[in-house]
Amino acid sequence: VIFRYDSDLASNKTFYTDSNGREMLERVVDKRGPSYPDPYLMSEPIASNYYPITQLASIDDGDVE
């Protein structure tokens, strides 16, 4: 199952996912960890932004969550 959300929240491309049932992880669209070369050229921009979610996802802009 794949969900795509569109919102007016000013989240700065940041959202949170629950990947193991215990903690929320911060995710940033198109951002990669330190093990990827800089600048990282994404050949699969859609596939590189899929994240496993076991229970919930959250978007927060500081005022609305």
PDB file of N, CA and C in Angstrom:
ATOM      1  N   VAL A   1       0.853  -1.162   0.000  1.00  0.00           N
ATOM      2  CA  VAL A   1       0.000   0.000   0.000  1.00  0.00           C
ATOM      3  C   VAL A   1       0.901   1.229   0.000  1.00  0.00           C
ATOM      4  N   ILE A   2       0.589   2.163  -0.855  1.00  0.00           N
ATOM      5  CA  ILE A   2       1.368   3.392  -0.958  1.00  0.00           C
ATOM      6  C   ILE A   2       0.426   4.569  -0.761  1.00  0.00           C
ATOM      7  N   PHE A   3       0.843   5.507   0.099  1.00  0.00           N
ATOM      8  CA  PHE A   3       0.074   6.719   0.345  1.00  0.00           C
ATOM      9  C   PHE A   3       0.889   7.920  -0.101  1.00  0.00           C
ATOM     10  N   ARG A   4       0.209   8.886  -0.689  1.00  0.00           N
ATOM     11  CA  ARG A   4       0.840  10.144  -1.043  1.00  0.00           C
ATOM     12  C   ARG A   4      -0.027  11.251  -0.485  1.00  0.00           C
ATOM     13  N   TYR A   5       0.590  12.143   0.293  1.00  0.00           N
ATOM     14  CA  TYR A   5      -0.148  13.233   0.914  1.00  0.00           C
ATOM     15  C   TYR A   5       0.301  14.567   0.347  1.00  0.00           C
ATOM     16  N   ASP A   6      -0.650  15.471   0.229  1.00  0.00           N
ATOM     17  CA  ASP A   6      -0.376  16.838  -0.180  1.00  0.00           C
ATOM     18  C   ASP A   6      -0.993  17.725   0.883  1.00  0.00           C
ATOM     19  N   SER A   7      -0.196  18.652   1.419  1.00  0.00           N
ATOM     20  CA  SER A   7      -0.666  19.450   2.541  1.00  0.00           C
ATOM     21  C   SER A   7      -0.163  20.882   2.421  1.00  0.00           C
ATOM     22  N   ASP A   8      -0.841  21.800   3.097  1.00  0.00           N
ATOM     23  CA  ASP A   8      -0.410  23.192   3.162  1.00  0.00           C
ATOM     24  C   ASP A   8       0.526  23.451   4.340  1.00  0.00           C
ATOM     25  N   LEU A   9       0.865  22.411   5.098  1.00  0.00           N
ATOM     26  CA  LEU A   9       1.788  22.582   6.217  1.00  0.00           C
ATOM     27  C   LEU A   9       3.167  22.974   5.710  1.00  0.00           C
ATOM     28  N   ALA A  10       3.804  23.918   6.384  1.00  0.00           N
ATOM     29  CA  ALA A  10       5.154  24.357   6.026  1.00  0.00           C
ATOM     30  C   ALA A  10       6.157  23.498   6.784  1.00  0.00           C
ATOM     31  N   SER A  11       6.290  22.248   6.386  1.00  0.00           N
ATOM     32  CA  SER A  11       7.118  21.288   7.127  1.00  0.00           C
ATOM     33  C   SER A  11       8.576  21.287   6.701  1.00  0.00           C
ATOM     34  N   ASN A  12       8.950  22.092   5.705  1.00  0.00           N
ATOM     35  CA  ASN A  12      10.322  22.156   5.215  1.00  0.00           C
ATOM     36  C   ASN A  12      10.803  20.788   4.741  1.00  0.00           C
ATOM     37  N   LYS A  13       9.903  20.027   4.101  1.00  0.00           N
ATOM     38  CA  LYS A  13      10.167  18.688   3.569  1.00  0.00           C
ATOM     39  C   LYS A  13      10.563  17.676   4.645  1.00  0.00           C
ATOM     40  N   THR A  14      10.196  17.937   5.896  1.00  0.00           N
ATOM     41  CA  THR A  14      10.516  17.054   7.007  1.00  0.00           C
ATOM     42  C   THR A  14       9.260  16.358   7.496  1.00  0.00           C
ATOM     43  N   PHE A  15       9.379  15.059   7.750  1.00  0.00           N
ATOM     44  CA  PHE A  15       8.274  14.294   8.322  1.00  0.00           C
ATOM     45  C   PHE A  15       8.864  13.199   9.185  1.00  0.00           C
ATOM     46  N   TYR A  16       8.028  12.491   9.908  1.00  0.00           N
ATOM     47  CA  TYR A  16       8.481  11.479  10.859  1.00  0.00           C
ATOM     48  C   TYR A  16       7.758  10.168  10.582  1.00  0.00           C
ATOM     49  N   THR A  17       8.506   9.069  10.670  1.00  0.00           N
ATOM     50  CA  THR A  17       7.902   7.756  10.471  1.00  0.00           C
ATOM     51  C   THR A  17       8.270   6.838  11.624  1.00  0.00           C
ATOM     52  N   ASP A  18       7.404   5.876  11.868  1.00  0.00           N
ATOM     53  CA  ASP A  18       7.645   4.837  12.858  1.00  0.00           C
ATOM     54  C   ASP A  18       8.118   3.614  12.084  1.00  0.00           C
ATOM     55  N   SER A  19       9.393   3.272  12.206  1.00  0.00           N
ATOM     56  CA  SER A  19       9.914   2.174  11.392  1.00  0.00           C
ATOM     57  C   SER A  19      10.060   0.864  12.150  1.00  0.00           C
ATOM     58  N   ASN A  20       9.969   0.901  13.474  1.00  0.00           N
ATOM     59  CA  ASN A  20      10.163  -0.335  14.214  1.00  0.00           C
ATOM     60  C   ASN A  20       9.135  -0.557  15.327  1.00  0.00           C
ATOM     61  N   GLY A  21       8.105   0.259  15.369  1.00  0.00           N
ATOM     62  CA  GLY A  21       7.071   0.094  16.384  1.00  0.00           C
ATOM     63  C   GLY A  21       7.406   0.733  17.711  1.00  0.00           C
ATOM     64  N   ARG A  22       8.584   1.397  17.832  1.00  0.00           N
ATOM     65  CA  ARG A  22       8.969   1.967  19.117  1.00  0.00           C
ATOM     66  C   ARG A  22       9.408   3.422  19.066  1.00  0.00           C
ATOM     67  N   GLU A  23       9.973   3.871  17.973  1.00  0.00           N
ATOM     68  CA  GLU A  23      10.476   5.241  17.944  1.00  0.00           C
ATOM     69  C   GLU A  23      10.178   5.905  16.612  1.00  0.00           C
ATOM     70  N   MET A  24      10.075   7.222  16.645  1.00  0.00           N
ATOM     71  CA  MET A  24       9.836   7.998  15.431  1.00  0.00           C
ATOM     72  C   MET A  24      11.180   8.455  14.868  1.00  0.00           C
ATOM     73  N   LEU A  25      11.330   8.324  13.557  1.00  0.00           N
ATOM     74  CA  LEU A  25      12.544   8.746  12.880  1.00  0.00           C
ATOM     75  C   LEU A  25      12.253   9.959  12.016  1.00  0.00           C
ATOM     76  N   GLU A  26      13.125  10.951  12.082  1.00  0.00           N
ATOM     77  CA  GLU A  26      12.966  12.124  11.228  1.00  0.00           C
ATOM     78  C   GLU A  26      13.411  11.782   9.816  1.00  0.00           C
ATOM     79  N   ARG A  27      12.594  12.139   8.857  1.00  0.00           N
ATOM     80  CA  ARG A  27      12.904  11.912   7.439  1.00  0.00           C
ATOM     81  C   ARG A  27      12.837  13.255   6.722  1.00  0.00           C
ATOM     82  N   VAL A  28      13.728  13.451   5.773  1.00  0.00           N
ATOM     83  CA  VAL A  28      13.721  14.664   4.958  1.00  0.00           C
ATOM     84  C   VAL A  28      13.707  14.229   3.496  1.00  0.00           C
ATOM     85  N   VAL A  29      12.781  14.758   2.731  1.00  0.00           N
ATOM     86  CA  VAL A  29      12.650  14.395   1.322  1.00  0.00           C
ATOM     87  C   VAL A  29      13.963  14.689   0.588  1.00  0.00           C
ATOM     88  N   ASP A  30      14.451  13.713  -0.173  1.00  0.00           N
ATOM     89  CA  ASP A  30      15.662  13.801  -1.000  1.00  0.00           C
ATOM     90  C   ASP A  30      16.956  13.966  -0.203  1.00  0.00           C
ATOM     91  N   LYS A  31      16.960  13.707   1.097  1.00  0.00           N
ATOM     92  CA  LYS A  31      18.182  13.812   1.894  1.00  0.00           C
ATOM     93  C   LYS A  31      18.741  12.415   2.150  1.00  0.00           C
ATOM     94  N   ARG A  32      20.039  12.284   2.072  1.00  0.00           N
ATOM     95  CA  ARG A  32      20.720  11.006   2.301  1.00  0.00           C
ATOM     96  C   ARG A  32      21.718  11.146   3.441  1.00  0.00           C
ATOM     97  N   GLY A  33      22.084  10.031   4.019  1.00  0.00           N
ATOM     98  CA  GLY A  33      23.008  10.010   5.141  1.00  0.00           C
ATOM     99  C   GLY A  33      24.446  10.298   4.742  1.00  0.00           C
ATOM    100  N   PRO A  34      25.339  10.332   5.723  1.00  0.00           N
ATOM    101  CA  PRO A  34      26.738  10.697   5.471  1.00  0.00           C
ATOM    102  C   PRO A  34      27.508   9.677   4.625  1.00  0.00           C
ATOM    103  N   SER A  35      27.006   8.470   4.460  1.00  0.00           N
ATOM    104  CA  SER A  35      27.729   7.466   3.678  1.00  0.00           C
ATOM    105  C   SER A  35      27.543   7.659   2.171  1.00  0.00           C
ATOM    106  N   TYR A  36      26.624   8.536   1.764  1.00  0.00           N
ATOM    107  CA  TYR A  36      26.407   8.805   0.345  1.00  0.00           C
ATOM    108  C   TYR A  36      27.337   9.923  -0.114  1.00  0.00           C
ATOM    109  N   PRO A  37      27.825   9.854  -1.341  1.00  0.00           N
ATOM    110  CA  PRO A  37      28.718  10.910  -1.834  1.00  0.00           C
ATOM    111  C   PRO A  37      27.991  12.253  -1.922  1.00  0.00           C
ATOM    112  N   ASP A  38      28.737  13.335  -1.773  1.00  0.00           N
ATOM    113  CA  ASP A  38      28.164  14.669  -1.837  1.00  0.00           C
ATOM    114  C   ASP A  38      28.684  15.366  -3.077  1.00  0.00           C
ATOM    115  N   PRO A  39      27.944  15.909  -3.976  1.00  0.00           N
ATOM    116  CA  PRO A  39      26.488  15.875  -3.980  1.00  0.00           C
ATOM    117  C   PRO A  39      25.980  14.537  -4.501  1.00  0.00           C
ATOM    118  N   TYR A  40      24.940  14.049  -3.894  1.00  0.00           N
ATOM    119  CA  TYR A  40      24.362  12.770  -4.287  1.00  0.00           C
ATOM    120  C   TYR A  40      23.390  12.993  -5.435  1.00  0.00           C
ATOM    121  N   LEU A  41      23.638  12.356  -6.559  1.00  0.00           N
ATOM    122  CA  LEU A  41      22.769  12.480  -7.718  1.00  0.00           C
ATOM    123  C   LEU A  41      21.788  11.316  -7.724  1.00  0.00           C
ATOM    124  N   MET A  42      20.520  11.613  -7.536  1.00  0.00           N
ATOM    125  CA  MET A  42      19.512  10.564  -7.475  1.00  0.00           C
ATOM    126  C   MET A  42      19.062  10.173  -8.871  1.00  0.00           C
ATOM    127  N   SER A  43      19.248   8.911  -9.189  1.00  0.00           N
ATOM    128  CA  SER A  43      18.768   8.424 -10.473  1.00  0.00           C
ATOM    129  C   SER A  43      17.327   7.917 -10.370  1.00  0.00           C
ATOM    130  N   GLU A  44      16.864   7.653  -9.160  1.00  0.00           N
ATOM    131  CA  GLU A  44      15.498   7.190  -8.902  1.00  0.00           C
ATOM    132  C   GLU A  44      14.868   8.081  -7.830  1.00  0.00           C
ATOM    133  N   PRO A  45      14.442   9.303  -8.174  1.00  0.00           N
ATOM    134  CA  PRO A  45      13.950  10.223  -7.148  1.00  0.00           C
ATOM    135  C   PRO A  45      12.699   9.742  -6.415  1.00  0.00           C
ATOM    136  N   ILE A  46      11.831   9.000  -7.075  1.00  0.00           N
ATOM    137  CA  ILE A  46      10.626   8.514  -6.396  1.00  0.00           C
ATOM    138  C   ILE A  46      10.973   7.342  -5.490  1.00  0.00           C
ATOM    139  N   ALA A  47      11.677   6.359  -6.013  1.00  0.00           N
ATOM    140  CA  ALA A  47      12.020   5.173  -5.228  1.00  0.00           C
ATOM    141  C   ALA A  47      12.923   5.513  -4.042  1.00  0.00           C
ATOM    142  N   SER A  48      13.723   6.543  -4.148  1.00  0.00           N
ATOM    143  CA  SER A  48      14.637   6.885  -3.054  1.00  0.00           C
ATOM    144  C   SER A  48      13.933   7.579  -1.900  1.00  0.00           C
ATOM    145  N   ASN A  49      12.636   7.864  -2.027  1.00  0.00           N
ATOM    146  CA  ASN A  49      11.877   8.491  -0.950  1.00  0.00           C
ATOM    147  C   ASN A  49      10.775   7.588  -0.407  1.00  0.00           C
ATOM    148  N   TYR A  50      10.924   6.290  -0.560  1.00  0.00           N
ATOM    149  CA  TYR A  50      10.006   5.321   0.054  1.00  0.00           C
ATOM    150  C   TYR A  50      10.572   4.918   1.409  1.00  0.00           C
ATOM    151  N   TYR A  51       9.728   4.872   2.428  1.00  0.00           N
ATOM    152  CA  TYR A  51      10.175   4.526   3.775  1.00  0.00           C
ATOM    153  C   TYR A  51       9.247   3.471   4.369  1.00  0.00           C
ATOM    154  N   PRO A  52       9.811   2.512   5.112  1.00  0.00           N
ATOM    155  CA  PRO A  52       8.959   1.521   5.770  1.00  0.00           C
ATOM    156  C   PRO A  52       8.240   2.169   6.961  1.00  0.00           C
ATOM    157  N   ILE A  53       6.964   1.879   7.103  1.00  0.00           N
ATOM    158  CA  ILE A  53       6.182   2.411   8.222  1.00  0.00           C
ATOM    159  C   ILE A  53       5.373   1.261   8.804  1.00  0.00           C
ATOM    160  N   THR A  54       5.553   0.995  10.103  1.00  0.00           N
ATOM    161  CA  THR A  54       4.818  -0.088  10.732  1.00  0.00           C
ATOM    162  C   THR A  54       3.516   0.375  11.368  1.00  0.00           C
ATOM    163  N   GLN A  55       3.470   1.614  11.883  1.00  0.00           N
ATOM    164  CA  GLN A  55       2.252   2.062  12.558  1.00  0.00           C
ATOM    165  C   GLN A  55       1.782   3.459  12.163  1.00  0.00           C
ATOM    166  N   LEU A  56       2.686   4.445  12.084  1.00  0.00           N
ATOM    167  CA  LEU A  56       2.207   5.794  11.846  1.00  0.00           C
ATOM    168  C   LEU A  56       3.263   6.675  11.195  1.00  0.00           C
ATOM    169  N   ALA A  57       2.789   7.789  10.644  1.00  0.00           N
ATOM    170  CA  ALA A  57       3.646   8.835  10.091  1.00  0.00           C
ATOM    171  C   ALA A  57       3.083  10.168  10.586  1.00  0.00           C
ATOM    172  N   SER A  58       3.955  11.171  10.693  1.00  0.00           N
ATOM    173  CA  SER A  58       3.538  12.462  11.226  1.00  0.00           C
ATOM    174  C   SER A  58       4.205  13.578  10.439  1.00  0.00           C
ATOM    175  N   ILE A  59       3.459  14.657  10.225  1.00  0.00           N
ATOM    176  CA  ILE A  59       3.990  15.884   9.621  1.00  0.00           C
ATOM    177  C   ILE A  59       3.739  17.006  10.608  1.00  0.00           C
ATOM    178  N   ASP A  60       4.751  17.852  10.828  1.00  0.00           N
ATOM    179  CA  ASP A  60       4.657  18.897  11.828  1.00  0.00           C
ATOM    180  C   ASP A  60       5.280  20.175  11.261  1.00  0.00           C
ATOM    181  N   ASP A  61       4.591  21.315  11.397  1.00  0.00           N
ATOM    182  CA  ASP A  61       5.181  22.582  10.945  1.00  0.00           C
ATOM    183  C   ASP A  61       5.468  23.536  12.099  1.00  0.00           C
ATOM    184  N   GLY A  62       5.397  23.046  13.318  1.00  0.00           N
ATOM    185  CA  GLY A  62       5.643  23.878  14.498  1.00  0.00           C
ATOM    186  C   GLY A  62       4.364  24.405  15.114  1.00  0.00           C
ATOM    187  N   ASP A  63       3.334  24.610  14.318  1.00  0.00           N
ATOM    188  CA  ASP A  63       2.038  25.083  14.821  1.00  0.00           C
ATOM    189  C   ASP A  63       0.976  23.987  14.757  1.00  0.00           C
ATOM    190  N   VAL A  64       1.003  23.230  13.669  1.00  0.00           N
ATOM    191  CA  VAL A  64      -0.010  22.188  13.428  1.00  0.00           C
ATOM    192  C   VAL A  64       0.701  20.864  13.232  1.00  0.00           C
ATOM    193  N   GLU A  65       0.137  19.807  13.800  1.00  0.00           N
ATOM    194  CA  GLU A  65       0.739  18.472  13.661  1.00  0.00           C
ATOM    195  C   GLU A  65      -0.280  17.506  13.139  1.00  0.00           C
TER     196      GLU A  65
END
